[in-house]
């Protein structure tokens, strides 16, 4: 993984010193909260309902055992013993004292971590495929290019005060595991007809008040022109993006209001001008690409010819282990290894949360079994990317002892959820308690397996931090006359066939929403073609009508509302 050079170290150290002085002035009353707000946001510090929150960047979701141990230390010493992993592959600490945050940032800098670009109207932490570099379906590892984009965008003088936050995601595989079409810019690495490497650029995706699926802007931009084209897009957005209304300030609105054809023409003109520029050469040289690639080389993996037979034998002997392998283990590009996803979705637990003790245990596992490397997934889980098949049972037993062995990846209890009204000052309703009730409701033996592959997402407000728009089943918390209500959407997807969920009808009270979800599940089970038809496929085949009928006694949305 990428290691800081001397510039990186000096840069982060200077930022920590600068923010430490700003915090001292705030605590001394020399800065008001309004004056302090833009300063803290540039350093990943939010003011939530009950306390400040610190969001720490995990670029493209990759971190080391040493870094995970530092996160555990911060949770234990400066917070309340846990951290919350997010859909942007970051981690949030919900209870740090403001006076301690400069020291936390200093400790993070010791292990090459920071909180820059995790908040504010800038280019946010760049996300990627959590299986990058190890997936069997990968064309090439996208993380070196994510790192190039990170270096290009970090405090970019032209893009530090954009009309609104701006999000990139990049993949290099056939399967989209990073939701690239729900980002301001999504990139997919591919090869053209003569084998050259380049990028497909998608533009204008996003969720929130106006959810949109990104449009394909360009099928193939050569690798050497990556920064030219990215700069052209962000320049046009910075120039024309709405600054008079924050709800209309995202690039998806610019695409809608300007027109896709006109915006693409403006970007192409800017792109051509940048390529001609002698003062502003952004061409990626092969030597520079190779230098970054060197940080992401696959470890020297040993061959274990008996690993497959050992695994088959253990699966036959231990039914629980067999189920865990089936749900949480993914094929690796090396035949003697596997990718292990560690679920942070224990039944009745808080989605995405890990205790300090659990973080230490996962760090130990990575050090012993995964070449010191870890990943954070878009789905708020953790990943060990290099586990030998013969070591899977040992890893599993440690996870069982640590309450981290939930065999539920891709199932209904593998819920994406924001912190909601328990923490967030923007939220209208609670997310955590609803997620806990749903996972408990469907936890009886065999029920999740019967339902099969499904994604359920929960947001506590329209800002959609829980990505409810992209859930096969989405739940949105709203407030009406002082009461928390929950609106249902169906048919969303963040994958290759990206789609925005459709609203079923009127919302449900907190004590009704879990029953409503079960009604949807029962309707699906009664109408699917066979056990192998996933929920999203069945929904696309039969549409909203039978679900609306089951929920409201009518197939008409207007009547349901």
Protein backbone atom coordinates (compact mmCIF):
# COMPACT_ATOMS: atom_id res chain seq x y z
CA UNK A 1 0.00 0.00 0.00
CA UNK A 2 1.02 3.62 -0.42
CA UNK A 3 3.62 4.94 2.05
CA UNK A 4 4.09 8.62 2.85
CA UNK A 5 7.09 10.38 1.35
CA UNK A 6 8.78 13.35 3.02
CA UNK A 7 6.35 15.81 1.43
CA UNK A 8 3.35 13.87 2.77
CA UNK A 9 4.80 13.79 6.28
CA UNK A 10 5.57 17.50 6.31
CA UNK A 11 2.21 18.37 4.80
CA UNK A 12 0.18 16.43 7.37
CA UNK A 13 2.34 17.62 10.29
CA UNK A 14 1.85 21.26 9.24
CA UNK A 15 -1.91 20.74 9.03
CA UNK A 16 -2.01 19.21 12.53
CA UNK A 17 -0.04 22.16 13.96
CA UNK A 18 -2.30 24.65 12.20
CA UNK A 19 -5.49 23.03 13.46
CA UNK A 20 -4.10 22.70 16.98
CA UNK A 21 -3.73 26.48 17.10
CA UNK A 22 -7.27 26.93 15.76
CA UNK A 23 -8.69 24.64 18.45
CA UNK A 24 -6.84 26.55 21.17
CA UNK A 25 -8.34 29.80 19.91
CA UNK A 26 -11.81 28.27 19.83
CA UNK A 27 -11.51 26.94 23.39
CA UNK A 28 -10.19 30.31 24.56
CA UNK A 29 -13.23 32.05 23.07
CA UNK A 30 -11.18 33.89 20.45
CA UNK A 31 -13.19 32.19 17.68
CA UNK A 32 -16.97 31.81 17.66
CA UNK A 33 -18.51 28.52 16.58
CA UNK A 34 -19.52 30.14 13.28
CA UNK A 35 -15.92 31.28 12.70
CA UNK A 36 -14.55 27.90 13.74
CA UNK A 37 -16.94 25.85 11.59
CA UNK A 38 -15.14 26.12 8.22
CA UNK A 39 -11.81 25.46 9.94
CA UNK A 40 -12.96 22.29 11.69
CA UNK A 41 -14.74 20.98 8.60
CA UNK A 42 -11.50 21.18 6.65
CA UNK A 43 -10.08 18.83 9.30
CA UNK A 44 -12.90 16.28 9.39
CA UNK A 45 -14.59 17.59 12.55
CA UNK A 46 -18.40 17.83 12.67
CA UNK A 47 -20.66 19.09 15.46
CA UNK A 48 -23.41 16.51 15.95
CA UNK A 49 -26.34 16.32 18.35
CA UNK A 50 -24.37 15.56 21.49
CA UNK A 51 -20.69 16.03 20.73
CA UNK A 52 -18.08 16.68 18.07
CA UNK A 53 -17.48 13.87 15.60
CA UNK A 54 -14.14 13.16 13.90
CA UNK A 55 -14.13 11.45 10.50
CA UNK A 56 -10.80 9.85 9.59
CA UNK A 57 -9.86 9.17 5.96
CA UNK A 58 -9.05 5.67 4.77
CA UNK A 59 -8.11 6.39 1.13
CA UNK A 60 -9.61 3.81 -1.26
CA UNK A 61 -10.44 1.71 1.82
CA UNK A 62 -6.96 0.23 2.34
CA UNK A 63 -5.12 0.22 5.68
CA UNK A 64 -2.47 -1.75 7.53
CA UNK A 65 -2.53 -3.70 10.77
CA UNK A 66 -0.57 -0.89 12.41
CA UNK A 67 -3.12 1.68 11.30
CA UNK A 68 -6.05 -0.43 12.52
CA UNK A 69 -4.36 -0.77 15.92
CA UNK A 70 -4.05 3.01 16.08
CA UNK A 71 -7.77 3.37 15.35
CA UNK A 72 -8.48 0.91 18.16
CA UNK A 73 -6.24 2.94 20.48
CA UNK A 74 -8.09 6.16 19.61
CA UNK A 75 -11.46 4.48 20.21
CA UNK A 76 -10.26 3.21 23.58
CA UNK A 77 -8.43 6.30 24.83
CA UNK A 78 -10.28 9.23 23.29
CA UNK A 79 -13.78 7.94 22.56
CA UNK A 80 -16.23 5.46 24.10
CA UNK A 81 -14.53 2.29 22.96
CA UNK A 82 -15.77 1.93 19.39
CA UNK A 83 -15.68 3.42 15.90
CA UNK A 84 -18.18 3.52 13.03
CA UNK A 85 -17.07 2.51 9.52
CA UNK A 86 -18.87 4.36 6.72
CA UNK A 87 -19.93 3.85 3.10
CA UNK A 88 -17.04 6.10 1.99
CA UNK A 89 -14.61 3.63 3.55
CA UNK A 90 -13.82 6.06 6.37
CA UNK A 91 -14.17 5.69 10.14
CA UNK A 92 -16.04 8.06 12.45
CA UNK A 93 -15.44 8.64 16.16
CA UNK A 94 -18.62 10.04 17.69
CA UNK A 95 -17.51 11.21 21.13
CA UNK A 96 -14.05 12.86 21.08
CA UNK A 97 -13.50 15.97 23.16
CA UNK A 98 -12.55 18.97 21.06
CA UNK A 99 -9.52 19.60 23.24
CA UNK A 100 -8.22 16.10 22.38
CA UNK A 101 -8.70 16.21 18.61
CA UNK A 102 -5.31 17.82 17.78
CA UNK A 103 -3.60 15.05 19.77
CA UNK A 104 -5.69 12.44 17.95
CA UNK A 105 -4.66 13.90 14.60
CA UNK A 106 -1.02 13.90 15.73
CA UNK A 107 -1.25 10.23 16.65
CA UNK A 108 -2.89 9.46 13.32
CA UNK A 109 -0.06 11.23 11.51
CA UNK A 110 2.39 8.85 13.22
CA UNK A 111 0.80 5.98 11.27
CA UNK A 112 0.30 7.93 8.03
CA UNK A 113 -3.38 8.77 8.50
CA UNK A 114 -5.31 12.04 8.58
CA UNK A 115 -8.80 13.56 8.37
CA UNK A 116 -8.24 15.81 5.36
CA UNK A 117 -10.94 15.74 2.65
CA UNK A 118 -13.47 13.92 4.82
CA UNK A 119 -15.73 16.97 5.01
CA UNK A 120 -16.30 20.37 3.43
CA UNK A 121 -16.94 21.52 -0.13
CA UNK A 122 -13.93 19.79 -1.61
CA UNK A 123 -13.07 16.55 -3.40
CA UNK A 124 -13.82 13.96 -0.72
CA UNK A 125 -11.98 10.77 0.18
CA UNK A 126 -11.74 8.74 -3.05
CA UNK A 127 -13.31 5.30 -2.78
CA UNK A 128 -12.63 2.09 -4.65
CA UNK A 129 -13.37 -1.61 -4.88
CA UNK A 130 -12.68 -3.26 -1.51
CA UNK A 131 -11.49 -6.34 -3.45
CA UNK A 132 -9.06 -4.26 -5.56
CA UNK A 133 -5.86 -6.06 -6.45
CA UNK A 134 -7.15 -9.48 -5.44
CA UNK A 135 -10.49 -9.99 -7.25
CA UNK A 136 -10.64 -12.76 -9.83
CA UNK A 137 -12.68 -10.56 -12.22
CA UNK A 138 -10.28 -7.61 -12.20
CA UNK A 139 -8.71 -6.03 -15.28
CA UNK A 140 -6.16 -4.14 -13.20
CA UNK A 141 -5.82 -2.75 -9.68
CA UNK A 142 -7.55 0.67 -9.57
CA UNK A 143 -5.91 1.82 -6.31
CA UNK A 144 -2.75 3.31 -7.87
CA UNK A 145 -4.99 5.60 -9.92
CA UNK A 146 -7.07 6.38 -6.84
CA UNK A 147 -3.81 7.40 -5.13
CA UNK A 148 -2.85 9.58 -8.11
CA UNK A 149 -6.27 11.25 -7.89
CA UNK A 150 -5.82 11.68 -4.13
CA UNK A 151 -2.46 13.41 -4.57
CA UNK A 152 -3.84 15.60 -7.37
CA UNK A 153 -6.91 16.63 -5.37
CA UNK A 154 -5.44 17.13 -1.89
CA UNK A 155 -5.91 20.85 -1.19
CA UNK A 156 -5.99 21.56 -4.92
CA UNK A 157 -5.87 25.37 -5.01
CA UNK A 158 -8.63 25.57 -7.62
CA UNK A 159 -10.92 22.98 -6.03
CA UNK A 160 -10.76 23.66 -2.28
CA UNK A 161 -13.99 25.67 -2.25
CA UNK A 162 -16.29 23.96 -4.71
CA UNK A 163 -20.03 24.73 -4.90
CA UNK A 164 -20.60 21.55 -2.87
CA UNK A 165 -18.84 18.35 -1.82
CA UNK A 166 -17.57 16.25 -4.73
CA UNK A 167 -17.16 12.48 -4.76
CA UNK A 168 -15.08 10.11 -6.90
CA UNK A 169 -15.18 6.30 -7.04
CA UNK A 170 -12.98 4.07 -9.21
CA UNK A 171 -13.05 0.38 -10.10
CA UNK A 172 -10.95 -1.94 -12.24
CA UNK A 173 -13.18 -5.01 -12.32
CA UNK A 174 -16.14 -6.30 -14.29
CA UNK A 175 -18.33 -6.12 -11.17
CA UNK A 176 -19.08 -2.72 -9.71
CA UNK A 177 -18.45 -3.05 -5.96
CA UNK A 178 -17.98 0.71 -5.38
CA UNK A 179 -21.29 2.13 -6.68
CA UNK A 180 -19.55 4.28 -9.29
CA UNK A 181 -22.84 5.42 -10.88
CA UNK A 182 -23.93 7.02 -7.62
CA UNK A 183 -20.96 9.41 -7.58
CA UNK A 184 -20.26 12.84 -9.03
CA UNK A 185 -17.56 11.13 -11.09
CA UNK A 186 -17.33 7.36 -11.45
CA UNK A 187 -14.43 5.72 -13.27
CA UNK A 188 -14.10 2.21 -14.63
CA UNK A 189 -10.75 0.96 -15.94
CA UNK A 190 -10.97 -0.97 -19.19
CA UNK A 191 -9.00 -1.75 -22.34
CA UNK A 192 -9.74 -0.63 -25.88
CA UNK A 193 -9.67 -2.75 -29.01
CA UNK A 194 -5.85 -2.71 -29.19
CA UNK A 195 -5.35 -3.48 -25.51
CA UNK A 196 -4.53 0.01 -24.25
CA UNK A 197 -5.61 0.88 -20.72
CA UNK A 198 -8.03 3.72 -20.13
CA UNK A 199 -11.07 4.94 -18.24
CA UNK A 200 -14.79 5.09 -18.80
CA UNK A 201 -16.03 8.29 -17.14
CA UNK A 202 -19.50 8.52 -15.60
CA UNK A 203 -20.82 11.88 -14.41
CA UNK A 204 -23.69 13.24 -12.37
CA UNK A 205 -24.65 10.44 -10.03
CA UNK A 206 -25.76 11.00 -6.47
CA UNK A 207 -28.44 10.47 -3.87
CA UNK A 208 -29.93 12.93 -1.37
CA UNK A 209 -32.98 15.01 -2.23
CA UNK A 210 -32.63 14.42 -5.95
CA UNK A 211 -31.24 10.93 -6.58
CA UNK A 212 -29.77 10.35 -10.03
CA UNK A 213 -27.83 7.62 -11.78
CA UNK A 214 -24.65 8.89 -13.45
CA UNK A 215 -24.50 9.08 -17.24
CA UNK A 216 -21.67 7.70 -19.34
CA UNK A 217 -19.69 10.80 -20.34
CA UNK A 218 -16.86 9.13 -22.25
CA UNK A 219 -16.28 5.46 -23.06
CA UNK A 220 -12.48 5.62 -23.17
CA UNK A 221 -9.99 8.21 -21.92
CA UNK A 222 -6.36 7.00 -22.14
CA UNK A 223 -4.59 6.57 -18.81
CA UNK A 224 -2.13 9.36 -19.54
CA UNK A 225 -5.04 11.81 -19.83
CA UNK A 226 -6.73 10.86 -16.54
CA UNK A 227 -5.91 14.15 -14.80
CA UNK A 228 -6.63 16.23 -17.90
CA UNK A 229 -10.17 14.91 -18.10
CA UNK A 230 -10.85 14.93 -14.37
CA UNK A 231 -9.63 18.51 -14.16
CA UNK A 232 -11.79 19.54 -17.11
CA UNK A 233 -14.92 18.13 -15.44
CA UNK A 234 -14.27 19.70 -12.04
CA UNK A 235 -13.34 23.04 -13.64
CA UNK A 236 -16.61 23.20 -15.53
CA UNK A 237 -18.51 22.26 -12.37
CA UNK A 238 -16.62 24.85 -10.34
CA UNK A 239 -17.41 27.48 -12.96
CA UNK A 240 -21.11 26.77 -13.52
CA UNK A 241 -22.24 24.87 -10.41
CA UNK A 242 -25.04 26.48 -8.42
CA UNK A 243 -23.77 28.44 -5.40
CA UNK A 244 -27.06 30.17 -4.62
CA UNK A 245 -28.81 27.03 -3.36
CA UNK A 246 -26.96 24.20 -1.61
CA UNK A 247 -29.71 21.74 -2.54
CA UNK A 248 -29.01 22.40 -6.22
CA UNK A 249 -25.23 22.73 -5.98
CA UNK A 250 -24.21 19.17 -6.98
CA UNK A 251 -22.98 18.35 -10.45
CA UNK A 252 -26.00 16.10 -11.04
CA UNK A 253 -28.17 19.25 -11.02
CA UNK A 254 -25.78 20.95 -13.43
CA UNK A 255 -26.13 17.95 -15.77
CA UNK A 256 -29.92 18.19 -15.51
CA UNK A 257 -30.23 21.98 -15.89
CA UNK A 258 -27.56 22.53 -18.54
CA UNK A 259 -28.34 19.44 -20.54
CA UNK A 260 -26.03 16.45 -20.87
CA UNK A 261 -25.04 17.21 -24.47
CA UNK A 262 -24.12 20.83 -23.78
CA UNK A 263 -22.19 19.95 -20.63
CA UNK A 264 -20.23 17.24 -22.43
CA UNK A 265 -19.35 19.76 -25.15
CA UNK A 266 -18.12 22.27 -22.54
CA UNK A 267 -16.02 19.60 -20.85
CA UNK A 268 -14.52 18.44 -24.15
CA UNK A 269 -13.52 22.02 -25.02
CA UNK A 270 -11.84 22.41 -21.64
CA UNK A 271 -10.19 19.00 -22.00
CA UNK A 272 -8.73 19.94 -25.38
CA UNK A 273 -7.42 23.25 -24.01
CA UNK A 274 -5.73 21.51 -21.07
CA UNK A 275 -3.99 19.02 -23.37
CA UNK A 276 -2.65 21.91 -25.47
CA UNK A 277 -1.46 23.89 -22.46
CA UNK A 278 2.30 24.19 -22.01
CA UNK A 279 1.98 25.82 -18.56
CA UNK A 280 -0.34 23.22 -17.09
CA UNK A 281 0.91 19.81 -18.21
CA UNK A 282 -1.07 17.08 -16.46
CA UNK A 283 0.06 14.17 -18.61
CA UNK A 284 0.66 11.02 -16.59
CA UNK A 285 4.05 9.64 -17.56
CA UNK A 286 4.52 5.89 -17.52
CA UNK A 287 7.42 6.24 -15.09
CA UNK A 288 5.18 8.09 -12.63
CA UNK A 289 2.44 5.46 -12.95
CA UNK A 290 4.95 2.66 -12.38
CA UNK A 291 6.32 4.44 -9.31
CA UNK A 292 2.86 4.50 -7.73
CA UNK A 293 2.11 0.96 -8.95
CA UNK A 294 5.16 -0.26 -7.04
CA UNK A 295 3.42 0.56 -3.76
CA UNK A 296 0.54 -1.77 -4.62
CA UNK A 297 2.38 -4.90 -5.70
CA UNK A 298 0.82 -8.19 -4.66
CA UNK A 299 2.72 -9.76 -1.75
CA UNK A 300 4.90 -12.77 -2.52
CA UNK A 301 2.15 -15.31 -1.94
CA UNK A 302 3.21 -18.85 -1.08
CA UNK A 303 1.69 -21.85 -2.79
CA UNK A 304 -0.39 -24.18 -0.63
CA UNK A 305 -1.31 -27.13 -2.86
CA UNK A 306 -3.19 -28.96 -0.07
CA UNK A 307 -5.24 -25.95 0.99
CA UNK A 308 -8.27 -26.76 -1.15
CA UNK A 309 -8.55 -30.35 0.12
CA UNK A 310 -8.13 -29.18 3.71
CA UNK A 311 -10.91 -26.62 3.25
CA UNK A 312 -13.31 -29.16 1.73
CA UNK A 313 -12.72 -31.54 4.64
CA UNK A 314 -13.31 -28.87 7.29
CA UNK A 315 -16.48 -27.64 5.61
CA UNK A 316 -17.90 -31.16 5.68
CA UNK A 317 -17.15 -31.49 9.39
CA UNK A 318 -18.43 -28.08 10.57
CA UNK A 319 -21.80 -26.88 9.23
CA UNK A 320 -21.48 -23.37 10.73
CA UNK A 321 -18.05 -22.94 9.16
CA UNK A 322 -19.40 -24.19 5.84
CA UNK A 323 -22.16 -21.55 5.96
CA UNK A 324 -19.64 -18.81 6.83
CA UNK A 325 -17.38 -19.78 3.92
CA UNK A 326 -20.38 -19.78 1.58
CA UNK A 327 -21.46 -16.25 2.59
CA UNK A 328 -18.27 -14.44 3.65
CA UNK A 329 -15.47 -15.89 1.52
CA UNK A 330 -14.84 -14.79 -2.08
CA UNK A 331 -12.66 -16.32 -4.79
CA UNK A 332 -9.16 -14.85 -4.99
CA UNK A 333 -7.11 -14.40 -8.16
CA UNK A 334 -4.56 -16.80 -6.61
CA UNK A 335 -6.03 -20.34 -6.47
CA UNK A 336 -4.60 -21.10 -3.01
CA UNK A 337 -6.00 -17.95 -1.36
CA UNK A 338 -9.35 -16.41 -0.53
CA UNK A 339 -10.81 -13.00 0.29
CA UNK A 340 -12.51 -12.90 3.69
CA UNK A 341 -15.23 -10.36 4.48
CA UNK A 342 -15.69 -9.78 8.20
CA UNK A 343 -19.26 -8.79 8.93
CA UNK A 344 -19.81 -5.77 11.18
CA UNK A 345 -23.52 -6.63 11.20
CA UNK A 346 -23.99 -8.94 14.18
CA UNK A 347 -27.65 -9.77 14.78
CA UNK A 348 -29.11 -6.98 16.90
CA UNK A 349 -25.90 -4.95 16.62
CA UNK A 350 -25.19 -1.50 15.18
CA UNK A 351 -24.29 -1.74 11.47
CA UNK A 352 -20.71 -0.64 10.77
CA UNK A 353 -19.62 -0.41 14.41
CA UNK A 354 -16.51 -2.17 15.75
CA UNK A 355 -15.22 -2.06 19.30
CA UNK A 356 -11.61 -1.25 20.10
CA UNK A 357 -11.08 -4.89 21.11
CA UNK A 358 -12.54 -6.10 17.81
CA UNK A 359 -10.34 -3.71 15.84
CA UNK A 360 -7.28 -5.05 17.66
CA UNK A 361 -8.32 -8.63 16.89
CA UNK A 362 -8.85 -7.86 13.21
CA UNK A 363 -5.43 -6.16 13.13
CA UNK A 364 -3.90 -9.30 14.66
CA UNK A 365 -5.60 -11.46 12.04
CA UNK A 366 -4.34 -9.24 9.23
CA UNK A 367 -0.81 -9.38 10.61
CA UNK A 368 -0.81 -13.15 10.98
CA UNK A 369 -2.90 -14.26 8.00
CA UNK A 370 -3.27 -11.39 5.47
CA UNK A 371 0.16 -9.84 4.93
CA UNK A 372 -0.66 -6.91 7.24
CA UNK A 373 -3.36 -5.57 4.95
CA UNK A 374 -7.02 -4.75 5.55
CA UNK A 375 -9.85 -3.15 3.61
CA UNK A 376 -13.04 -1.28 4.49
CA UNK A 377 -15.98 -2.02 2.22
CA UNK A 378 -18.67 0.25 0.82
CA UNK A 379 -21.09 -1.99 2.74
CA UNK A 380 -19.52 -1.02 6.11
CA UNK A 381 -17.68 -4.32 6.63
CA UNK A 382 -13.99 -5.21 6.89
CA UNK A 383 -11.95 -7.37 4.51
CA UNK A 384 -8.85 -9.58 4.83
CA UNK A 385 -7.59 -9.71 1.23
CA UNK A 386 -4.88 -12.40 1.43
CA UNK A 387 -5.97 -15.45 3.45
CA UNK A 388 -4.60 -18.86 2.48
CA UNK A 389 -7.34 -21.47 2.07
CA UNK A 390 -5.65 -23.63 4.68
CA UNK A 391 -5.88 -20.76 7.22
CA UNK A 392 -9.60 -20.03 6.81
CA UNK A 393 -10.66 -22.26 9.69
CA UNK A 394 -8.19 -20.65 12.09
CA UNK A 395 -9.41 -17.18 11.07
CA UNK A 396 -13.03 -18.26 11.47
CA UNK A 397 -12.50 -19.57 15.00
CA UNK A 398 -10.92 -16.30 16.10
CA UNK A 399 -13.84 -14.40 14.62
CA UNK A 400 -16.34 -16.65 16.41
CA UNK A 401 -14.67 -15.92 19.74
CA UNK A 402 -14.81 -12.18 18.97
CA UNK A 403 -18.49 -12.01 17.88
CA UNK A 404 -17.37 -11.20 14.33
CA UNK A 405 -18.36 -14.41 12.55
CA UNK A 406 -21.86 -13.46 11.34
CA UNK A 407 -22.38 -15.44 8.13
CA UNK A 408 -24.62 -12.85 6.50
CA UNK A 409 -22.79 -11.01 3.74
CA UNK A 410 -25.31 -10.10 1.05
CA UNK A 411 -28.28 -11.09 3.19
CA UNK A 412 -31.06 -9.08 4.77
CA UNK A 413 -29.19 -8.44 8.04
CA UNK A 414 -26.15 -7.08 6.16
CA UNK A 415 -27.76 -3.65 6.46
CA UNK A 416 -26.23 -0.34 5.40
CA UNK A 417 -27.34 2.28 7.90
CA UNK A 418 -26.38 5.81 8.90
CA UNK A 419 -26.16 6.81 12.60
CA UNK A 420 -29.51 8.61 12.31
CA UNK A 421 -31.16 10.62 15.05
CA UNK A 422 -29.15 8.93 17.79
CA UNK A 423 -26.19 11.08 16.73
CA UNK A 424 -26.82 13.28 13.71
CA UNK A 425 -28.22 16.80 13.99
CA UNK A 426 -29.58 16.57 10.43
CA UNK A 427 -31.56 13.37 10.97
CA UNK A 428 -35.34 13.20 11.24
CA UNK A 429 -35.61 9.65 12.57
CA UNK A 430 -33.63 6.84 14.13
CA UNK A 431 -31.84 4.36 11.88
CA UNK A 432 -29.93 2.19 14.35
CA UNK A 433 -32.90 0.86 16.30
CA UNK A 434 -34.78 0.00 13.09
CA UNK A 435 -31.74 -1.86 11.73
CA UNK A 436 -31.43 -3.79 14.98
CA UNK A 437 -35.10 -4.78 14.95
CA UNK A 438 -34.97 -5.90 11.31
CA UNK A 439 -31.84 -8.03 11.77
CA UNK A 440 -33.38 -9.62 14.87
CA UNK A 441 -36.72 -10.28 13.13
CA UNK A 442 -35.08 -12.21 10.30
CA UNK A 443 -32.43 -13.98 12.37
CA UNK A 444 -34.18 -17.28 13.07
CA UNK A 445 -32.31 -20.26 11.61
CA UNK A 446 -32.74 -20.69 7.89
CA UNK A 447 -34.84 -17.55 7.34
CA UNK A 448 -32.09 -15.42 5.77
CA UNK A 449 -30.93 -18.32 3.63
CA UNK A 450 -34.51 -18.80 2.42
CA UNK A 451 -34.75 -15.12 1.43
CA UNK A 452 -31.40 -15.19 -0.35
CA UNK A 453 -29.40 -12.28 -1.75
CA UNK A 454 -30.88 -8.89 -0.87
CA UNK A 455 -29.67 -5.40 0.11
CA UNK A 456 -31.58 -3.39 2.70
CA UNK A 457 -30.42 0.19 3.40
CA UNK A 458 -31.63 2.73 5.97
CA UNK A 459 -31.21 6.52 6.10
CA UNK A 460 -32.35 8.77 8.94
CA UNK A 461 -32.98 11.73 6.63
CA UNK A 462 -33.18 12.75 2.99
CA UNK A 463 -29.40 13.31 2.80
CA UNK A 464 -29.24 9.54 2.23
CA UNK A 465 -26.02 8.73 4.11
CA UNK A 466 -27.46 5.21 4.48
CA UNK A 467 -27.90 4.95 0.70
CA UNK A 468 -31.57 4.01 0.98
CA UNK A 469 -32.14 5.00 -2.66
CA UNK A 470 -29.77 2.19 -3.71
CA UNK A 471 -31.23 -0.54 -1.53
CA UNK A 472 -33.26 -3.33 -3.04
CA UNK A 473 -35.39 -2.38 -0.06
CA UNK A 474 -34.76 1.19 1.10
CA UNK A 475 -36.01 2.83 4.29
CA UNK A 476 -36.03 6.61 4.72
CA UNK A 477 -36.75 8.18 8.09
CA UNK A 478 -38.93 11.30 7.89
CA UNK A 479 -40.65 13.52 10.44
CA UNK A 480 -44.33 14.45 10.27
CA UNK A 481 -46.01 16.53 12.97
CA UNK A 482 -43.39 15.51 15.50
CA UNK A 483 -43.63 11.78 14.73
CA UNK A 484 -40.91 9.63 13.21
CA UNK A 485 -42.17 7.87 10.08
CA UNK A 486 -40.43 5.52 7.65
CA UNK A 487 -40.90 5.61 3.89
CA UNK A 488 -40.21 2.49 1.84
CA UNK A 489 -38.58 2.27 -1.59
CA UNK A 490 -38.12 -0.83 -3.72
CA UNK A 491 -35.91 -1.70 -6.67
CA UNK A 492 -32.80 0.33 -5.97
CA UNK A 493 -29.37 -1.06 -6.83
CA UNK A 494 -25.79 0.19 -6.62
CA UNK A 495 -24.22 -2.40 -8.90
CA UNK A 496 -23.72 -2.81 -12.63
CA UNK A 497 -27.43 -2.27 -13.31
CA UNK A 498 -27.65 0.79 -11.10
CA UNK A 499 -31.14 2.04 -10.29
CA UNK A 500 -32.98 4.34 -7.89
CA UNK A 501 -35.67 2.80 -5.72
CA UNK A 502 -39.34 3.64 -6.25
CA UNK A 503 -41.48 4.88 -3.33
CA UNK A 504 -44.16 2.40 -2.32
CA UNK A 505 -46.59 4.93 -0.81
CA UNK A 506 -47.21 6.56 2.56
CA UNK A 507 -44.80 6.04 5.44
CA UNK A 508 -45.03 3.70 8.40
CA UNK A 509 -44.68 4.41 12.12
CA UNK A 510 -41.67 3.05 13.99
CA UNK A 511 -43.71 0.18 15.39
CA UNK A 512 -45.03 -0.70 11.92
CA UNK A 513 -41.99 -0.54 9.66
CA UNK A 514 -40.50 -3.96 10.51
CA UNK A 515 -43.87 -5.62 9.84
CA UNK A 516 -44.01 -3.75 6.52
CA UNK A 517 -40.58 -5.09 5.57
CA UNK A 518 -41.72 -8.60 6.40
CA UNK A 519 -44.81 -8.09 4.24
CA UNK A 520 -42.53 -7.21 1.34
CA UNK A 521 -40.41 -10.29 1.97
CA UNK A 522 -43.44 -12.60 2.17
CA UNK A 523 -44.78 -11.14 -1.08
CA UNK A 524 -41.45 -11.72 -2.79
CA UNK A 525 -41.18 -15.31 -1.53
CA UNK A 526 -44.67 -16.09 -2.81
CA UNK A 527 -44.00 -14.66 -6.28
CA UNK A 528 -40.40 -15.53 -7.13
CA UNK A 529 -39.93 -18.09 -9.89
CA UNK A 530 -37.76 -20.37 -7.78
CA UNK A 531 -35.38 -20.29 -4.82
CA UNK A 532 -32.61 -18.98 -7.04
CA UNK A 533 -34.34 -15.78 -8.19
CA UNK A 534 -32.93 -12.86 -6.13
CA UNK A 535 -35.25 -10.15 -4.84
CA UNK A 536 -33.99 -7.49 -7.26
CA UNK A 537 -34.54 -9.77 -10.26
CA UNK A 538 -38.03 -10.67 -9.09
CA UNK A 539 -38.88 -6.99 -8.54
CA UNK A 540 -37.68 -6.05 -12.01
CA UNK A 541 -39.80 -8.83 -13.44
CA UNK A 542 -43.09 -8.20 -11.57
CA UNK A 543 -42.83 -4.50 -10.69
CA UNK A 544 -44.25 -2.50 -7.80
CA UNK A 545 -47.95 -3.45 -8.06
CA UNK A 546 -48.05 -6.69 -5.99
CA UNK A 547 -45.95 -5.16 -3.22
CA UNK A 548 -48.12 -2.05 -3.04
CA UNK A 549 -51.22 -4.25 -2.95
CA UNK A 550 -49.78 -6.27 -0.07
CA UNK A 551 -48.74 -3.18 1.90
CA UNK A 552 -51.78 -0.97 1.43
CA UNK A 553 -54.55 -3.13 0.00
CA UNK A 554 -54.31 -1.22 -3.28
CA UNK A 555 -52.02 -1.30 -6.29
CA UNK A 556 -52.36 2.44 -6.85
CA UNK A 557 -49.68 4.70 -5.38
CA UNK A 558 -51.96 7.73 -5.18
CA UNK A 559 -54.52 5.81 -3.15
CA UNK A 560 -51.75 4.43 -0.93
CA UNK A 561 -50.60 7.95 -0.13
